[in-house]
Structure formats: C-alpha cells, structure tokens
C-alpha atoms as a PDB file:
ATOM      1  CA  MET A   1     196.307  30.633  93.226  1.00  0.00           C
ATOM      2  CA  THR A   2     195.087  27.763  95.116  1.00  0.00           C
ATOM      3  CA  ALA A   3     192.156  28.253  97.647  1.00  0.00           C
ATOM      4  CA  SER A   4     194.468  27.561 100.428  1.00  0.00           C
ATOM      5  CA  ALA A   5     197.073  30.027  99.865  1.00  0.00           C
ATOM      6  CA  TYR A   6     196.279  33.823 100.791  1.00  0.00           C
ATOM      7  CA  ARG A   7     197.828  37.360  99.322  1.00  0.00           C
ATOM      8  CA  ILE A   8     199.675  38.927 102.166  1.00  0.00           C
ATOM      9  CA  SER A   9     196.593  41.471 102.575  1.00  0.00           C
ATOM     10  CA  GLU A  10     193.977  38.422 102.785  1.00  0.00           C
ATOM     11  CA  ALA A  11     196.655  37.016 105.437  1.00  0.00           C
ATOM     12  CA  ALA A  12     196.936  40.194 107.591  1.00  0.00           C
ATOM     13  CA  ALA A  13     192.892  40.330 107.126  1.00  0.00           C
ATOM     14  CA  LEU A  14     192.263  37.113 108.744  1.00  0.00           C
ATOM     15  CA  LEU A  15     195.056  37.373 111.496  1.00  0.00           C
ATOM     16  CA  GLY A  16     193.635  41.333 112.290  1.00  0.00           C
ATOM     17  CA  VAL A  17     197.135  42.614 111.341  1.00  0.00           C
ATOM     18  CA  SER A  18     198.685  44.871 108.959  1.00  0.00           C
ATOM     19  CA  ASP A  19     200.130  43.852 105.643  1.00  0.00           C
ATOM     20  CA  ASP A  20     203.537  45.194 107.252  1.00  0.00           C
ATOM     21  CA  THR A  21     203.202  43.093 110.221  1.00  0.00           C
ATOM     22  CA  VAL A  22     202.761  39.901 107.820  1.00  0.00           C
ATOM     23  CA  ARG A  23     205.658  41.012 105.761  1.00  0.00           C
ATOM     24  CA  ARG A  24     207.727  41.469 109.285  1.00  0.00           C
ATOM     25  CA  TRP A  25     206.627  38.021 110.375  1.00  0.00           C
ATOM     26  CA  ALA A  26     207.847  36.662 107.148  1.00  0.00           C
ATOM     27  CA  ASP A  27     211.267  38.587 107.282  1.00  0.00           C
ATOM     28  CA  ALA A  28     211.768  37.278 110.975  1.00  0.00           C
ATOM     29  CA  GLY A  29     211.086  33.659 109.769  1.00  0.00           C
ATOM     30  CA  ARG A  30     207.670  33.307 111.373  1.00  0.00           C
ATOM     31  CA  LEU A  31     206.291  32.611 108.565  1.00  0.00           C
ATOM     32  CA  THR A  32     207.245  31.612 104.889  1.00  0.00           C
ATOM     33  CA  LEU A  33     205.973  33.700 101.594  1.00  0.00           C
ATOM     34  CA  THR A  34     205.896  31.483  98.315  1.00  0.00           C
ATOM     35  CA  ARG A  35     205.437  33.037  94.717  1.00  0.00           C
ATOM     36  CA  ALA A  36     201.901  31.934  93.067  1.00  0.00           C
ATOM     37  CA  ASP A  37     201.834  31.284  89.174  1.00  0.00           C
ATOM     38  CA  ASN A  38     201.360  35.113  88.504  1.00  0.00           C
ATOM     39  CA  GLY A  39     204.055  35.874  90.796  1.00  0.00           C
ATOM     40  CA  ARG A  40     203.165  37.508  93.663  1.00  0.00           C
ATOM     41  CA  LEU A  41     203.509  36.409  97.509  1.00  0.00           C
ATOM     42  CA  VAL A  42     201.206  34.104  99.159  1.00  0.00           C
ATOM     43  CA  VAL A  43     201.005  32.757 102.541  1.00  0.00           C
ATOM     44  CA  PRO A  44     200.108  28.835 102.333  1.00  0.00           C
ATOM     45  CA  GLY A  45     197.201  28.454 104.444  1.00  0.00           C
ATOM     46  CA  ALA A  46     197.962  25.573 106.441  1.00  0.00           C
ATOM     47  CA  GLU A  47     200.660  27.502 107.656  1.00  0.00           C
ATOM     48  CA  LEU A  48     198.710  30.567 108.317  1.00  0.00           C
ATOM     49  CA  ALA A  49     196.480  28.357 110.493  1.00  0.00           C
ATOM     50  CA  ALA A  50     199.395  27.349 112.445  1.00  0.00           C
ATOM     51  CA  LEU A  51     200.341  30.663 112.795  1.00  0.00           C
ATOM     52  CA  ALA A  52     196.768  31.610 113.686  1.00  0.00           C
ATOM     53  CA  ARG A  53     196.922  29.035 116.515  1.00  0.00           C
ATOM     54  CA  SER A  54     199.966  30.427 117.885  1.00  0.00           C
ATOM     55  CA  LEU A  55     198.814  33.665 118.049  1.00  0.00           C
ATOM     56  CA  ALA A  56     195.906  32.670 119.616  1.00  0.00           C
ATOM     57  CA  ALA A  57     197.932  31.214 122.798  1.00  0.00           C
ATOM     58  CA  GLU A  58     199.491  34.610 123.149  1.00  0.00           C
ATOM     59  CA  PRO A  59     197.367  36.787 125.910  1.00  0.00           C
ATOM     60  CA  VAL A  60     195.233  39.529 124.300  1.00  0.00           C
ATOM     61  CA  THR A  61     196.083  43.455 125.257  1.00  0.00           C
ATOM     62  CA  ASP A  62     194.183  45.492 123.119  1.00  0.00           C
ATOM     63  CA  ALA A  63     191.116  43.507 121.751  1.00  0.00           C
ATOM     64  CA  ALA A  64     187.982  45.566 121.492  1.00  0.00           C
ATOM     65  CA  PRO A  65     184.676  43.743 122.518  1.00  0.00           C
ATOM     66  CA  PHE A  66     182.297  43.271 119.662  1.00  0.00           C
ATOM     67  CA  ALA A  67     179.341  45.287 120.693  1.00  0.00           C
ATOM     68  CA  SER A  68     176.361  43.197 119.291  1.00  0.00           C
ATOM     69  CA  ALA A  69     175.101  39.500 120.114  1.00  0.00           C
ATOM     70  CA  ARG A  70     175.157  38.937 116.692  1.00  0.00           C
ATOM     71  CA  ASN A  71     178.560  38.993 114.616  1.00  0.00           C
ATOM     72  CA  ARG A  72     179.795  38.072 111.495  1.00  0.00           C
ATOM     73  CA  MET A  73     183.714  37.479 112.197  1.00  0.00           C
ATOM     74  CA  THR A  74     186.144  36.438 108.811  1.00  0.00           C
ATOM     75  CA  GLY A  75     188.744  34.106 110.100  1.00  0.00           C
ATOM     76  CA  ILE A  76     190.865  31.316 109.023  1.00  0.00           C
ATOM     77  CA  VAL A  77     190.232  27.333 109.957  1.00  0.00           C
ATOM     78  CA  THR A  78     192.509  26.139 112.283  1.00  0.00           C
ATOM     79  CA  LYS A  79     191.356  22.847 112.826  1.00  0.00           C
ATOM     80  CA  VAL A  80     188.641  20.145 111.907  1.00  0.00           C
ATOM     81  CA  THR A  81     187.911  17.172 114.139  1.00  0.00           C
ATOM     82  CA  ARG A  82     185.346  14.952 112.283  1.00  0.00           C
ATOM     83  CA  ASP A  83     183.743  11.483 113.562  1.00  0.00           C
ATOM     84  CA  THR A  84     181.105   9.566 111.550  1.00  0.00           C
ATOM     85  CA  VAL A  85     178.256  12.293 112.286  1.00  0.00           C
ATOM     86  CA  MET A  86     179.728  15.523 113.844  1.00  0.00           C
ATOM     87  CA  ALA A  87     182.111  17.820 113.213  1.00  0.00           C
ATOM     88  CA  GLN A  88     184.284  20.610 115.219  1.00  0.00           C
ATOM     89  CA  VAL A  89     185.649  23.317 113.820  1.00  0.00           C
ATOM     90  CA  GLU A  90     187.967  25.839 115.252  1.00  0.00           C
ATOM     91  CA  ILE A  91     188.196  29.142 113.792  1.00  0.00           C
ATOM     92  CA  GLN A  92     190.772  32.073 114.356  1.00  0.00           C
ATOM     93  CA  ALA A  93     189.245  35.549 113.671  1.00  0.00           C
ATOM     94  CA  GLY A  94     191.881  38.039 114.534  1.00  0.00           C
ATOM     95  CA  PRO A  95     192.587  37.307 118.453  1.00  0.00           C
ATOM     96  CA  TYR A  96     189.301  35.371 118.653  1.00  0.00           C
ATOM     97  CA  ARG A  97     189.052  31.886 118.853  1.00  0.00           C
ATOM     98  CA  LEU A  98     185.677  30.213 117.857  1.00  0.00           C
ATOM     99  CA  VAL A  99     184.399  26.577 118.046  1.00  0.00           C
ATOM    100  CA  SER A 100     181.662  25.299 116.286  1.00  0.00           C
ATOM    101  CA  LEU A 101     180.066  22.071 116.349  1.00  0.00           C
ATOM    102  CA  MET A 102     177.970  20.992 112.991  1.00  0.00           C
ATOM    103  CA  SER A 103     177.160  18.044 111.112  1.00  0.00           C
ATOM    104  CA  ARG A 104     180.096  16.318 109.276  1.00  0.00           C
ATOM    105  CA  GLU A 105     178.189  16.483 106.238  1.00  0.00           C
ATOM    106  CA  ALA A 106     177.929  20.383 106.440  1.00  0.00           C
ATOM    107  CA  ALA A 107     181.812  20.438 106.868  1.00  0.00           C
ATOM    108  CA  ASP A 108     182.404  17.897 103.975  1.00  0.00           C
ATOM    109  CA  GLU A 109     180.304  20.523 101.928  1.00  0.00           C
ATOM    110  CA  LEU A 110     181.877  23.481 102.785  1.00  0.00           C
ATOM    111  CA  GLY A 111     185.309  21.834 102.294  1.00  0.00           C
ATOM    112  CA  LEU A 112     186.325  22.911 105.721  1.00  0.00           C
ATOM    113  CA  GLU A 113     190.367  22.184 106.270  1.00  0.00           C
ATOM    114  CA  PRO A 114     192.847  23.941 108.308  1.00  0.00           C
ATOM    115  CA  GLY A 115     193.741  27.186 106.109  1.00  0.00           C
ATOM    116  CA  THR A 116     190.257  27.658 104.792  1.00  0.00           C
ATOM    117  CA  ALA A 117     188.885  31.315 105.024  1.00  0.00           C
ATOM    118  CA  ALA A 118     185.477  31.277 106.937  1.00  0.00           C
ATOM    119  CA  VAL A 119     182.821  33.273 108.369  1.00  0.00           C
ATOM    120  CA  ALA A 120     181.910  32.674 112.025  1.00  0.00           C
ATOM    121  CA  SER A 121     178.290  33.793 112.556  1.00  0.00           C
ATOM    122  CA  VAL A 122     177.524  34.361 116.414  1.00  0.00           C
ATOM    123  CA  LYS A 123     174.215  34.740 117.818  1.00  0.00           C
ATOM    124  CA  ALA A 124     174.252  33.776 121.741  1.00  0.00           C
ATOM    125  CA  THR A 125     175.890  30.333 122.018  1.00  0.00           C
ATOM    126  CA  ASN A 126     175.306  29.370 118.496  1.00  0.00           C
ATOM    127  CA  VAL A 127     178.319  29.685 115.895  1.00  0.00           C
ATOM    128  CA  GLY A 128     177.427  29.197 111.967  1.00  0.00           C
ATOM    129  CA  VAL A 129     180.284  29.068 109.608  1.00  0.00           C
ATOM    130  CA  GLU A 130     180.135  29.821 105.936  1.00  0.00           C
ATOM    131  CA  LEU A 131     182.803  30.188 103.642  1.00  0.00           C
ATOM    132  CA  ALA A 132     184.404  33.688 103.111  1.00  0.00           C
ATOM    133  CA  VAL A 133     184.323  35.155  99.959  1.00  0.00           C
ATOM    134  CA  ARG A 134     187.767  35.890  98.416  1.00  0.00           C
ATOM    135  CA  PRO A 135     188.274  38.849  95.586  1.00  0.00           C
END
C-alpha cells in the first residue's frame, strides 16, 4: 500500500467518523474505494483530503472542545502552499481545520502533500506538524 492510500479504518480515524460511515459514503458515491495490492479496500489520499475539505465546510453541531491548551490532533493534510522560503500547511483533524506556517525546507523534509497523514501539535497559537505513525 502506498503512503497516500488509507485503509478504511485509517480514513475513518483521520476524518473523525466510524468505519461504517466511510463505507456508507463509498456506497453513496461520496468517495471511491480501490483495492490495494494485498486485496484490501483503500481510499486514495488525495481523494480523502478532498472529502476532508468538503466536510470542513459543513457546520459542526456536536464537536466537543479540547480540554487542554496543548493538544496533538491526528488528521490529514488537505493543502500545502509553498513559496521560496515558507510553506502553509492545512490539516483537517476531524471537524477541526488547522493551519501551520513553517519553513519550506521542513515541509519538504516531511514530504507534506495533500493526503499525507500528520499530527498537529498545538500550544497557544503555535502549530507544529509531524508525520503520523501508521500501523
């Protein structure tokens, strides 16, 4: 499986929904499932990122606030804008959209692209980004 394809359970965790919800969305045509070389159903990372962006535009009605000023939120990179020095990285973590400004070099070293699983570490107004460990 490539780094930009996610098992149904991984996709569900990144979007903050159940595995069954991901399957229902696939059945309804909201996203496409493909088969990996090992025969498992997977969601292409770029398509998962696009769905995360569309979900972010929907109103949030039942999201619980985080209890701490320091949080680590696992999500999926939905957009990366690079210039010669800096990069702006957008992550959708469940119903939350997080934006981080970092050096382009850091974004390049992490290989951040839409569809990449990442962890946003938040303390006050600073958001750090690291790659999520995938089983």
